Amino acid sequence: MAVETAKTERPSGRPALLVATGILLSRVLGLVRDRALGHYLGTTDAADAFRAALRIPNFLQNLFGEGVLSASFIPVYARLLGAKDEEEADHVAGVIGSILAVLTSTLVVLGILLAPFLIEAVAPGFVGAKRELTVTLVRIIFPGVGALVLSAWCLGILNSHGRFLLSYTAPVVWNVMIIAALLIFHSVPTLSQLAIWVAWGSLVGCFGQLGIQLPTVFRVAHRIRFSLDLASRQVRNVFTSFGPVFISRGVVQLSAYIDNLLASLLPSGSVTLLTNGQTIALLPISLFGMSVSAAELPAMSRAIGSDEQGLRRALADRLNAALRRMAFFVIPASAAFLGLGDTIGALIYQTGLFTHQDVLYLWALLAGSGVGLLASTFGRLCSSTFYALRDTRTPLKFAIVRVVLTVALGYLFAFPLPKLLHVDPKLGLAGLTASAGIAGWIEFLLLRNTLRKRVDPFSLPRGLAIRLWGSALLAIAIIFSLKHFFAGHHYIAGMVLLPWYGALYLCGTLAFRVPEAWSIFEKVLSKVRRR
């Protein structure tokens, strides 16, 4: 059978595969962690307090951590390595690591002292014992911020040296420590005490995540010397990019903060449900958006310096191939969130204090998340391309647009709209995620249209998109009709229906002659023949 072939040169998929493997291991443990938290803490006040407490240090980690370093540090460091100037590369790495250590140490001290005021900003809806517990948890967790930021510094070094798997697998340690704390201390008298022990487990996991990467960092970058020497031009180049990216990440984190704030004003358990839903929604974004973007950034950064026309074509080729790969995996995830969100939520979370009613709320939240799933993955790729081109201001401008829209639409969808429709106020959570998806699409379109002025035309072919959506929706329709046969058996339903859905989607894409599907099929067939 004749199958169309992509006319663009495909970038090597090995780095993206390694990143995706590491993220998959980390995210799977993350789902196990959340299932354990749901089992022992449910959607109680203690669960809300723990989730809100994690938000504050995570806010700072994301400000100073992986996203900022990926956009400012990796392009400079990777280019120096590409030019064989390892001594200068390691000097830059040492200075950046030293500055991050000093900066985050100061923030940790301030965070512990100012914890009560931070709670007022992050979760104003928390009062009484719930608020006091959150303050205590923040003070326990906060020292881990410094370790997580330095862990992101390690990731930047390891990725630039092509060591993708370790850096993206390291968060497994953090998840394991939280799970261990739940299993060891689950029999304590109160849920508040259990939340405190879990917070200590989180702190130990943060330092473990850093510690597991350091030996390899010092092995691949053995010339690193820590100092605060800012005289190097390359160090100044990092800081030139750092400012706009820092603001951009701050704007994005502000959006997450506002979502958390609005959720704290909804009925009890909303903060936990929002966090659980975001954990599931981030899985396809991380696996098929972050993995490809993270792998492409060093490669595109090293390509800078070729002739202008060659660079425009090379970047467009990489973007076209990456968009096709992303869409092949993300479109079925979006469809699954819409039609099988209850099956996914029940399989992962329905246990102990996490009830079937909680799963239904989670389904609504996942359906809202599905609106912007594809836009989020495509947007990450476009932002990485701008960072490789040493343009950090354009993503910042459009991130601000996205956040303004998210805040405005989020409030309208979470509060006035449910009242107008006379539905359960808790369904406002779905409004929060749907509004973020709409804003994500607008941001992606702005990024794409601006990037097209810098590189040759690129896009996801319309015919391919129709075939992918058609395959996914047809598979959803078939599986949805079978759900009633598994009523009351949510574990069996999840373990049977979700694999069937994946198989039907793959069959549909094969029938529609999607090249990516045939590539997977041929690789599997080749391995079977060799055996």
Protein backbone atom coordinates (compact mmCIF):
# COMPACT_ATOMS: atom_id res chain seq x y z
CA MET A 1 0.00 0.00 0.00
CA ALA A 2 1.38 3.43 -0.91
CA VAL A 3 1.74 5.73 2.03
CA GLU A 4 2.59 9.43 1.84
CA THR A 5 5.98 10.34 3.20
CA ALA A 6 7.04 13.54 4.86
CA LYS A 7 9.08 15.70 2.51
CA THR A 8 10.99 17.46 5.23
CA GLU A 9 14.05 16.08 6.84
CA ARG A 10 13.16 14.73 10.24
CA PRO A 11 15.29 15.68 13.19
CA SER A 12 16.70 12.81 15.15
CA GLY A 13 14.11 11.51 17.58
CA ARG A 14 16.55 9.98 20.05
CA PRO A 15 16.99 13.06 22.31
CA ALA A 16 13.23 13.63 22.40
CA LEU A 17 12.72 9.92 23.14
CA LEU A 18 15.13 10.07 26.07
CA VAL A 19 13.44 13.19 27.44
CA ALA A 20 10.03 11.58 27.01
CA THR A 21 11.20 8.40 28.74
CA GLY A 22 12.49 10.36 31.71
CA ILE A 23 9.34 12.46 31.88
CA LEU A 24 7.16 9.36 31.58
CA LEU A 25 8.89 7.68 34.52
CA SER A 26 8.60 10.87 36.56
CA ARG A 27 4.97 11.50 35.63
CA VAL A 28 3.90 7.91 36.25
CA LEU A 29 5.39 8.15 39.74
CA GLY A 30 3.67 11.52 40.02
CA LEU A 31 0.32 9.88 39.31
CA VAL A 32 1.09 7.16 41.85
CA ARG A 33 1.97 9.93 44.33
CA ASP A 34 -1.30 11.76 43.66
CA ARG A 35 -3.26 8.53 43.94
CA ALA A 36 -1.65 7.88 47.32
CA LEU A 37 -2.40 11.45 48.40
CA GLY A 38 -5.99 11.03 47.23
CA HIS A 39 -6.33 7.75 49.11
CA TYR A 40 -5.02 9.04 52.43
CA LEU A 41 -6.02 12.73 52.29
CA GLY A 42 -8.91 12.76 49.80
CA THR A 43 -10.27 16.25 49.10
CA THR A 44 -10.18 17.27 52.76
CA ASP A 45 -8.89 20.52 54.26
CA ALA A 46 -5.54 18.81 54.94
CA ALA A 47 -5.26 17.90 51.26
CA ASP A 48 -6.08 21.46 50.19
CA ALA A 49 -3.51 22.84 52.66
CA PHE A 50 -0.77 20.54 51.34
CA ARG A 51 -1.51 21.37 47.69
CA ALA A 52 -1.56 25.11 48.39
CA ALA A 53 1.67 24.86 50.38
CA LEU A 54 3.39 23.22 47.42
CA ARG A 55 2.24 26.02 45.13
CA ILE A 56 4.34 28.71 46.81
CA PRO A 57 7.80 27.10 46.54
CA ASN A 58 6.87 25.71 43.11
CA PHE A 59 6.14 29.27 42.02
CA LEU A 60 9.73 30.27 42.82
CA GLN A 61 11.16 27.07 41.40
CA ASN A 62 9.46 27.73 38.08
CA LEU A 63 10.60 31.36 38.13
CA PHE A 64 14.28 30.55 38.62
CA GLY A 65 14.32 26.97 37.47
CA GLU A 66 14.02 24.92 34.32
CA GLY A 67 12.08 27.29 32.06
CA VAL A 68 14.26 30.33 32.68
CA LEU A 69 17.52 28.38 32.48
CA SER A 70 16.39 26.61 29.32
CA ALA A 71 15.78 29.91 27.60
CA SER A 72 18.78 31.89 28.88
CA PHE A 73 21.52 29.47 29.98
CA ILE A 74 21.25 26.50 27.56
CA PRO A 75 21.55 28.51 24.28
CA VAL A 76 24.79 30.17 25.48
CA TYR A 77 26.23 27.03 27.09
CA ALA A 78 25.32 24.77 24.14
CA ARG A 79 26.89 27.15 21.61
CA LEU A 80 30.13 27.27 23.58
CA LEU A 81 30.21 23.47 23.64
CA GLY A 82 29.47 23.42 19.90
CA ALA A 83 32.44 25.76 19.37
CA LYS A 84 34.65 23.39 21.46
CA ASP A 85 35.25 26.12 24.04
CA GLU A 86 34.64 23.86 27.04
CA GLU A 87 36.68 25.97 29.44
CA GLU A 88 34.54 29.06 28.89
CA ALA A 89 31.38 26.92 28.92
CA ASP A 90 32.23 25.51 32.35
CA HIS A 91 33.18 28.97 33.62
CA VAL A 92 29.73 30.24 32.63
CA ALA A 93 28.09 27.23 34.28
CA GLY A 94 30.01 27.79 37.52
CA VAL A 95 29.10 31.49 37.75
CA ILE A 96 25.42 30.87 37.00
CA GLY A 97 25.29 28.06 39.57
CA SER A 98 26.90 30.30 42.22
CA ILE A 99 24.47 33.16 41.60
CA LEU A 100 21.48 30.82 41.73
CA ALA A 101 22.71 29.33 45.03
CA VAL A 102 23.06 32.76 46.66
CA LEU A 103 19.76 34.03 45.29
CA THR A 104 17.67 31.02 46.25
CA SER A 105 19.22 30.80 49.74
CA THR A 106 18.07 34.36 50.37
CA LEU A 107 14.59 33.58 49.07
CA VAL A 108 14.32 30.49 51.28
CA VAL A 109 15.02 32.52 54.42
CA LEU A 110 12.52 35.18 53.39
CA GLY A 111 9.93 32.55 52.49
CA ILE A 112 10.11 30.89 55.90
CA LEU A 113 9.81 34.24 57.70
CA LEU A 114 7.01 35.59 55.51
CA ALA A 115 4.97 32.38 55.19
CA PRO A 116 1.81 33.82 56.88
CA PHE A 117 1.72 36.72 54.42
CA LEU A 118 2.29 34.41 51.47
CA ILE A 119 -0.76 32.36 52.43
CA GLU A 120 -2.91 35.49 52.36
CA ALA A 121 -1.76 36.06 48.79
CA VAL A 122 -2.05 32.47 47.52
CA ALA A 123 -5.11 31.11 49.34
CA PRO A 124 -7.17 33.95 50.80
CA GLY A 125 -10.12 31.58 51.15
CA PHE A 126 -8.27 29.53 53.81
CA VAL A 127 -9.15 30.46 57.40
CA GLY A 128 -8.66 29.10 60.91
CA ALA A 129 -6.93 25.73 61.36
CA LYS A 130 -6.71 25.19 57.60
CA ARG A 131 -4.72 28.40 57.21
CA GLU A 132 -2.41 27.61 60.14
CA LEU A 133 -1.68 24.15 58.78
CA THR A 134 -0.81 25.65 55.39
CA VAL A 135 1.63 28.09 57.02
CA THR A 136 3.36 25.22 58.83
CA LEU A 137 3.62 23.17 55.66
CA VAL A 138 5.08 26.07 53.67
CA ARG A 139 7.83 26.56 56.27
CA ILE A 140 8.76 22.88 56.09
CA ILE A 141 8.72 22.64 52.29
CA PHE A 142 10.34 25.99 51.44
CA PRO A 143 14.04 25.02 51.92
CA GLY A 144 13.59 22.53 49.08
CA VAL A 145 13.23 25.44 46.64
CA GLY A 146 16.98 26.00 46.51
CA ALA A 147 17.62 22.32 45.80
CA LEU A 148 15.04 22.25 42.99
CA VAL A 149 16.43 25.38 41.31
CA LEU A 150 19.95 23.95 41.38
CA SER A 151 18.48 20.70 40.06
CA ALA A 152 17.25 22.70 37.05
CA TRP A 153 20.78 24.10 36.65
CA CYS A 154 22.02 20.49 36.50
CA LEU A 155 19.39 19.75 33.86
CA GLY A 156 20.68 22.59 31.68
CA ILE A 157 24.24 21.24 31.82
CA LEU A 158 23.27 17.62 31.26
CA ASN A 159 20.94 18.42 28.33
CA SER A 160 23.66 20.44 26.61
CA HIS A 161 25.97 17.42 26.90
CA GLY A 162 23.27 15.13 25.48
CA ARG A 163 22.52 13.48 28.87
CA PHE A 164 18.74 13.78 28.73
CA LEU A 165 17.53 10.70 30.59
CA LEU A 166 19.05 11.33 34.04
CA SER A 167 17.93 14.95 34.33
CA TYR A 168 14.32 14.17 33.49
CA THR A 169 14.24 11.00 35.60
CA ALA A 170 15.59 12.74 38.73
CA PRO A 171 12.12 13.95 39.93
CA VAL A 172 11.30 10.27 40.54
CA VAL A 173 13.26 10.64 43.79
CA TRP A 174 10.97 13.45 44.99
CA ASN A 175 7.84 11.42 44.20
CA VAL A 176 9.22 8.33 45.91
CA MET A 177 9.93 10.25 49.12
CA ILE A 178 6.37 11.60 49.29
CA ILE A 179 4.89 8.15 48.65
CA ALA A 180 7.18 6.65 51.30
CA ALA A 181 6.07 9.26 53.84
CA LEU A 182 2.42 8.44 53.18
CA LEU A 183 2.98 4.70 53.56
CA ILE A 184 5.09 5.02 56.70
CA PHE A 185 3.00 7.62 58.57
CA HIS A 186 -0.54 6.98 57.29
CA SER A 187 -1.66 5.69 60.71
CA VAL A 188 -0.94 8.93 62.63
CA PRO A 189 -3.96 10.22 64.62
CA THR A 190 -4.98 13.15 62.37
CA LEU A 191 -4.84 14.09 58.71
CA SER A 192 -3.08 17.33 59.64
CA GLN A 193 -0.22 15.37 61.22
CA LEU A 194 -0.02 13.16 58.15
CA ALA A 195 0.21 16.25 55.91
CA ILE A 196 3.14 17.52 58.03
CA TRP A 197 5.04 14.23 57.68
CA VAL A 198 4.41 14.26 53.93
CA ALA A 199 5.84 17.79 53.80
CA TRP A 200 9.06 16.51 55.43
CA GLY A 201 9.15 13.72 52.84
CA SER A 202 8.86 16.36 50.10
CA LEU A 203 11.84 18.26 51.56
CA VAL A 204 14.02 15.14 51.63
CA GLY A 205 12.98 14.35 48.06
CA CYS A 206 14.02 17.82 46.83
CA PHE A 207 17.58 17.34 48.04
CA GLY A 208 17.60 13.79 46.72
CA GLN A 209 16.61 15.04 43.27
CA LEU A 210 19.60 17.39 43.26
CA GLY A 211 22.03 14.88 44.75
CA ILE A 212 21.39 12.20 42.16
CA GLN A 213 22.45 14.54 39.32
CA LEU A 214 25.53 16.22 40.78
CA PRO A 215 28.05 13.36 40.25
CA THR A 216 27.29 13.21 36.51
CA VAL A 217 27.36 17.02 36.23
CA PHE A 218 30.87 17.18 37.67
CA ARG A 219 31.95 14.29 35.45
CA VAL A 220 30.82 15.86 32.14
CA ALA A 221 31.76 19.42 33.16
CA HIS A 222 34.88 18.74 35.21
CA ARG A 223 36.27 22.27 34.82
CA ILE A 224 33.43 23.92 36.76
CA ARG A 225 34.66 26.37 39.41
CA PHE A 226 32.08 28.21 41.46
CA SER A 227 32.57 31.97 41.59
CA LEU A 228 30.73 35.28 41.28
CA ASP A 229 32.93 36.56 38.45
CA LEU A 230 30.58 38.53 36.19
CA ALA A 231 33.24 39.89 33.83
CA SER A 232 32.76 37.26 31.11
CA ARG A 233 30.83 38.43 28.03
CA GLN A 234 29.10 35.05 27.84
CA VAL A 235 27.87 35.37 31.41
CA ARG A 236 26.46 38.78 30.52
CA ASN A 237 24.74 37.19 27.51
CA VAL A 238 22.97 34.79 29.87
CA PHE A 239 21.75 37.68 32.02
CA THR A 240 20.67 39.67 28.97
CA SER A 241 18.26 36.84 28.15
CA PHE A 242 17.49 36.09 31.78
CA GLY A 243 15.53 39.29 32.44
CA PRO A 244 12.82 38.95 29.76
CA VAL A 245 12.50 35.19 30.33
CA PHE A 246 12.26 35.68 34.09
CA ILE A 247 9.45 38.18 33.58
CA SER A 248 7.80 35.87 31.05
CA ARG A 249 7.90 32.93 33.48
CA GLY A 250 6.68 35.25 36.23
CA VAL A 251 3.69 36.19 34.09
CA VAL A 252 2.91 32.51 33.41
CA GLN A 253 3.27 31.65 37.09
CA LEU A 254 1.01 34.56 37.93
CA SER A 255 -1.64 32.85 35.84
CA ALA A 256 -1.21 29.60 37.79
CA TYR A 257 -1.29 31.56 41.05
CA ILE A 258 -4.55 33.25 40.08
CA ASP A 259 -6.08 29.89 39.13
CA ASN A 260 -5.13 28.56 42.56
CA LEU A 261 -6.51 31.71 44.22
CA LEU A 262 -9.83 31.41 42.40
CA ALA A 263 -10.02 27.69 43.24
CA SER A 264 -9.53 28.50 46.93
CA LEU A 265 -12.71 30.62 46.74
CA LEU A 266 -14.72 27.69 45.34
CA PRO A 267 -16.13 24.93 47.62
CA SER A 268 -13.78 22.82 49.77
CA GLY A 269 -11.67 20.35 47.81
CA SER A 270 -11.44 22.55 44.71
CA VAL A 271 -7.72 23.27 45.12
CA THR A 272 -6.97 19.54 45.31
CA LEU A 273 -9.18 18.74 42.31
CA LEU A 274 -7.53 21.49 40.26
CA THR A 275 -4.06 20.18 41.12
CA ASN A 276 -5.05 16.58 40.30
CA GLY A 277 -6.52 17.62 36.98
CA GLN A 278 -3.45 19.65 36.08
CA THR A 279 -1.24 16.66 36.90
CA ILE A 280 -3.10 14.53 34.35
CA ALA A 281 -3.29 17.32 31.75
CA LEU A 282 0.45 18.00 32.04
CA LEU A 283 1.29 14.40 31.17
CA PRO A 284 0.74 14.68 27.39
CA ILE A 285 2.10 18.25 27.40
CA SER A 286 5.27 17.05 29.10
CA LEU A 287 5.68 13.85 27.12
CA PHE A 288 5.01 15.24 23.67
CA GLY A 289 5.48 18.99 24.07
CA MET A 290 8.20 19.51 26.62
CA SER A 291 10.22 16.49 25.46
CA VAL A 292 10.37 17.61 21.83
CA SER A 293 10.92 21.28 22.75
CA ALA A 294 13.64 20.45 25.28
CA ALA A 295 15.46 18.22 22.80
CA GLU A 296 15.15 20.75 19.95
CA LEU A 297 16.45 23.77 21.91
CA PRO A 298 20.14 22.70 22.15
CA ALA A 299 20.07 21.41 18.57
CA MET A 300 18.58 24.64 17.20
CA SER A 301 20.97 26.72 19.32
CA ARG A 302 23.98 24.92 17.87
CA ALA A 303 22.60 25.49 14.35
CA ILE A 304 22.65 29.27 14.77
CA GLY A 305 25.51 30.73 12.78
CA SER A 306 24.82 29.05 9.45
CA ASP A 307 23.83 31.19 6.44
CA GLU A 308 20.51 33.03 6.79
CA GLN A 309 18.63 31.14 4.08
CA GLY A 310 19.93 27.78 5.23
CA LEU A 311 18.96 28.57 8.81
CA ARG A 312 15.40 29.57 7.84
CA ARG A 313 14.93 26.31 5.95
CA ALA A 314 16.57 24.15 8.61
CA LEU A 315 14.42 25.59 11.41
CA ALA A 316 11.25 25.23 9.34
CA ASP A 317 12.08 21.58 8.60
CA ARG A 318 12.57 20.85 12.29
CA LEU A 319 9.36 22.69 13.21
CA ASN A 320 7.28 20.86 10.59
CA ALA A 321 8.52 17.44 11.69
CA ALA A 322 8.07 18.30 15.39
CA LEU A 323 4.51 19.57 14.88
CA ARG A 324 3.51 16.33 13.14
CA ARG A 325 4.95 14.20 15.95
CA MET A 326 3.28 16.31 18.64
CA ALA A 327 -0.13 16.27 16.96
CA PHE A 328 -0.08 12.50 16.46
CA PHE A 329 0.08 11.95 20.23
CA VAL A 330 -1.64 15.03 21.68
CA ILE A 331 -4.85 14.99 19.62
CA PRO A 332 -5.95 11.57 20.99
CA ALA A 333 -5.17 12.80 24.51
CA SER A 334 -7.47 15.81 24.00
CA ALA A 335 -10.24 13.57 22.72
CA ALA A 336 -9.78 11.17 25.65
CA PHE A 337 -10.08 14.01 28.19
CA LEU A 338 -13.42 14.93 26.63
CA GLY A 339 -14.98 11.48 26.25
CA LEU A 340 -13.16 9.29 28.78
CA GLY A 341 -12.21 11.75 31.53
CA ASP A 342 -14.22 9.83 34.13
CA THR A 343 -12.55 6.55 33.18
CA ILE A 344 -9.09 8.14 33.43
CA GLY A 345 -9.88 9.91 36.71
CA ALA A 346 -11.40 6.81 38.34
CA LEU A 347 -8.48 4.58 37.35
CA ILE A 348 -5.92 6.97 38.83
CA TYR A 349 -7.64 8.56 41.81
CA GLN A 350 -10.86 6.81 42.91
CA THR A 351 -9.82 5.14 46.14
CA GLY A 352 -10.18 5.72 49.88
CA LEU A 353 -11.40 9.27 50.55
CA PHE A 354 -11.43 10.19 46.84
CA THR A 355 -15.02 9.41 45.79
CA HIS A 356 -16.88 8.83 42.52
CA GLN A 357 -18.41 12.31 42.84
CA ASP A 358 -14.89 13.76 42.96
CA VAL A 359 -14.12 11.84 39.76
CA LEU A 360 -17.07 13.47 37.99
CA TYR A 361 -15.81 16.92 38.95
CA LEU A 362 -12.38 15.87 37.70
CA TRP A 363 -13.90 14.79 34.38
CA ALA A 364 -15.38 18.26 33.85
CA LEU A 365 -12.01 19.79 34.68
CA LEU A 366 -10.19 17.50 32.22
CA ALA A 367 -12.70 18.27 29.47
CA GLY A 368 -11.86 21.94 29.95
CA SER A 369 -8.14 21.15 29.82
CA GLY A 370 -8.56 19.35 26.52
CA VAL A 371 -9.50 22.66 24.86
CA GLY A 372 -5.95 24.00 24.92
CA LEU A 373 -3.84 20.86 25.02
CA LEU A 374 -2.63 21.07 21.43
CA ALA A 375 -2.02 24.82 21.69
CA SER A 376 0.12 24.37 24.80
CA THR A 377 2.42 21.84 23.14
CA PHE A 378 2.73 23.83 19.91
CA GLY A 379 3.31 27.04 21.89
CA ARG A 380 6.21 25.49 23.81
CA LEU A 381 7.90 24.54 20.56
CA CYS A 382 7.53 28.04 19.09
CA SER A 383 8.86 29.62 22.28
CA SER A 384 11.90 27.31 22.22
CA THR A 385 12.60 28.39 18.65
CA PHE A 386 12.54 32.05 19.66
CA TYR A 387 14.91 31.26 22.55
CA ALA A 388 17.30 29.50 20.16
CA LEU A 389 17.24 32.66 18.05
CA ARG A 390 18.16 34.65 21.18
CA ASP A 391 14.80 36.42 21.10
CA THR A 392 13.28 36.28 24.58
CA ARG A 393 11.10 39.39 24.29
CA THR A 394 8.59 38.08 21.76
CA PRO A 395 7.46 35.11 23.91
CA LEU A 396 7.20 37.54 26.85
CA LYS A 397 4.80 39.86 25.01
CA PHE A 398 2.49 37.03 24.04
CA ALA A 399 2.69 35.40 27.47
CA ILE A 400 1.32 38.63 28.93
CA VAL A 401 -1.55 38.55 26.45
CA ARG A 402 -2.30 34.96 27.43
CA VAL A 403 -2.32 35.70 31.15
CA VAL A 404 -4.58 38.73 30.83
CA LEU A 405 -7.06 36.62 28.86
CA THR A 406 -6.76 33.70 31.30
CA VAL A 407 -7.53 35.92 34.30
CA ALA A 408 -10.47 37.70 32.68
CA LEU A 409 -12.03 34.59 31.14
CA GLY A 410 -11.19 32.44 34.19
CA TYR A 411 -13.16 34.70 36.53
CA LEU A 412 -16.13 34.86 34.16
CA PHE A 413 -16.18 31.10 33.52
CA ALA A 414 -15.60 30.11 37.17
CA PHE A 415 -18.13 32.38 38.92
CA PRO A 416 -20.76 34.31 36.89
CA LEU A 417 -21.27 31.58 34.27
CA PRO A 418 -22.11 28.71 36.72
CA LYS A 419 -24.55 31.03 38.50
CA LEU A 420 -26.14 32.03 35.22
CA LEU A 421 -26.50 28.38 34.19
CA HIS A 422 -27.63 27.32 37.72
CA VAL A 423 -25.08 24.51 37.95
CA ASP A 424 -22.92 23.23 40.81
CA PRO A 425 -20.45 26.01 41.79
CA LYS A 426 -17.65 23.42 41.81
CA LEU A 427 -18.03 23.08 38.05
CA GLY A 428 -16.41 26.50 37.88
CA LEU A 429 -13.17 24.49 37.90
CA ALA A 430 -13.92 23.41 34.33
CA GLY A 431 -14.29 27.08 33.47
CA LEU A 432 -10.81 27.79 34.80
CA THR A 433 -9.18 25.14 32.60
CA ALA A 434 -11.27 25.92 29.50
CA SER A 435 -10.45 29.64 29.74
CA ALA A 436 -6.74 28.80 29.98
CA GLY A 437 -7.09 26.68 26.84
CA ILE A 438 -8.73 29.49 24.86
CA ALA A 439 -5.99 31.90 25.93
CA GLY A 440 -3.38 29.26 25.00
CA TRP A 441 -4.70 29.09 21.43
CA ILE A 442 -4.47 32.85 21.04
CA GLU A 443 -0.90 32.84 22.38
CA PHE A 444 0.14 30.05 20.00
CA LEU A 445 -1.34 31.78 16.95
CA LEU A 446 0.49 34.99 17.84
CA LEU A 447 3.76 33.09 18.31
CA ARG A 448 3.36 31.14 15.07
CA ASN A 449 2.48 34.14 12.92
CA THR A 450 5.43 36.14 14.27
CA LEU A 451 7.86 33.22 13.94
CA ARG A 452 6.89 32.78 10.29
CA LYS A 453 8.61 36.10 9.61
CA ARG A 454 11.90 34.62 10.85
CA VAL A 455 11.80 31.14 9.29
CA ASP A 456 10.34 29.52 6.19
CA PRO A 457 6.61 28.65 6.32
CA PHE A 458 5.67 25.84 8.70
CA SER A 459 2.36 24.39 9.86
CA LEU A 460 0.48 21.23 10.68
CA PRO A 461 -1.13 20.11 7.37
CA ARG A 462 -4.90 20.53 7.52
CA GLY A 463 -5.50 17.13 5.95
CA LEU A 464 -3.34 15.46 8.59
CA ALA A 465 -5.19 17.24 11.40
CA ILE A 466 -8.57 16.09 10.02
CA ARG A 467 -7.39 12.47 9.81
CA LEU A 468 -5.98 12.53 13.33
CA TRP A 469 -9.12 14.07 14.85
CA GLY A 470 -11.31 11.73 12.83
CA SER A 471 -9.41 8.67 14.10
CA ALA A 472 -9.54 9.89 17.70
CA LEU A 473 -13.24 10.82 17.74
CA LEU A 474 -14.26 7.58 16.01
CA ALA A 475 -12.32 5.59 18.60
CA ILE A 476 -13.94 7.63 21.41
CA ALA A 477 -17.42 6.96 20.02
CA ILE A 478 -16.80 3.19 19.97
CA ILE A 479 -15.28 3.04 23.46
CA PHE A 480 -17.92 5.36 24.97
CA SER A 481 -20.64 2.99 23.81
CA LEU A 482 -18.95 0.15 25.74
CA LYS A 483 -18.58 1.99 29.06
CA HIS A 484 -21.93 0.79 30.49
CA PHE A 485 -20.70 -2.82 30.41
CA PHE A 486 -18.17 -1.92 33.13
CA ALA A 487 -20.50 -0.01 35.46
CA GLY A 488 -19.30 -0.33 39.06
CA HIS A 489 -15.89 -1.70 38.05
CA HIS A 490 -13.81 1.41 37.42
CA TYR A 491 -10.42 -0.31 37.73
CA ILE A 492 -11.31 -2.92 35.10
CA ALA A 493 -12.88 -0.25 32.89
CA GLY A 494 -9.72 1.84 32.92
CA MET A 495 -7.36 -1.08 32.32
CA VAL A 496 -9.48 -2.46 29.45
CA LEU A 497 -11.06 0.53 27.72
CA LEU A 498 -8.06 2.87 27.64
CA PRO A 499 -5.74 0.39 25.86
CA TRP A 500 -8.58 -0.44 23.46
CA TYR A 501 -8.96 3.26 22.74
CA GLY A 502 -5.26 3.55 21.93
CA ALA A 503 -5.40 0.51 19.66
CA LEU A 504 -8.49 1.78 17.81
CA TYR A 505 -6.87 5.19 17.32
CA LEU A 506 -3.75 3.57 15.88
CA CYS A 507 -5.88 1.41 13.55
CA GLY A 508 -7.75 4.50 12.40
CA THR A 509 -4.57 6.40 11.62
CA LEU A 510 -3.22 3.40 9.74
CA ALA A 511 -6.44 3.23 7.73
CA PHE A 512 -6.18 6.95 6.97
CA ARG A 513 -2.56 6.46 5.88
CA VAL A 514 -0.99 8.74 8.47
CA PRO A 515 2.82 8.48 7.97
CA GLU A 516 3.62 8.63 11.71
CA ALA A 517 1.33 5.66 12.37
CA TRP A 518 2.94 3.63 9.60
CA SER A 519 6.38 4.51 10.96
CA ILE A 520 5.44 3.10 14.37
CA PHE A 521 3.86 0.01 12.78
CA GLU A 522 6.93 -0.70 10.63
CA LYS A 523 9.30 -0.33 13.60
CA VAL A 524 7.25 -2.77 15.69
CA LEU A 525 7.01 -5.20 12.78
CA SER A 526 10.77 -4.99 12.21
CA LYS A 527 11.47 -5.83 15.85
CA VAL A 528 9.07 -8.78 15.75
CA ARG A 529 10.76 -10.16 12.62
CA ARG A 530 14.22 -9.87 14.17
CA ARG A 531 13.05 -11.94 17.13
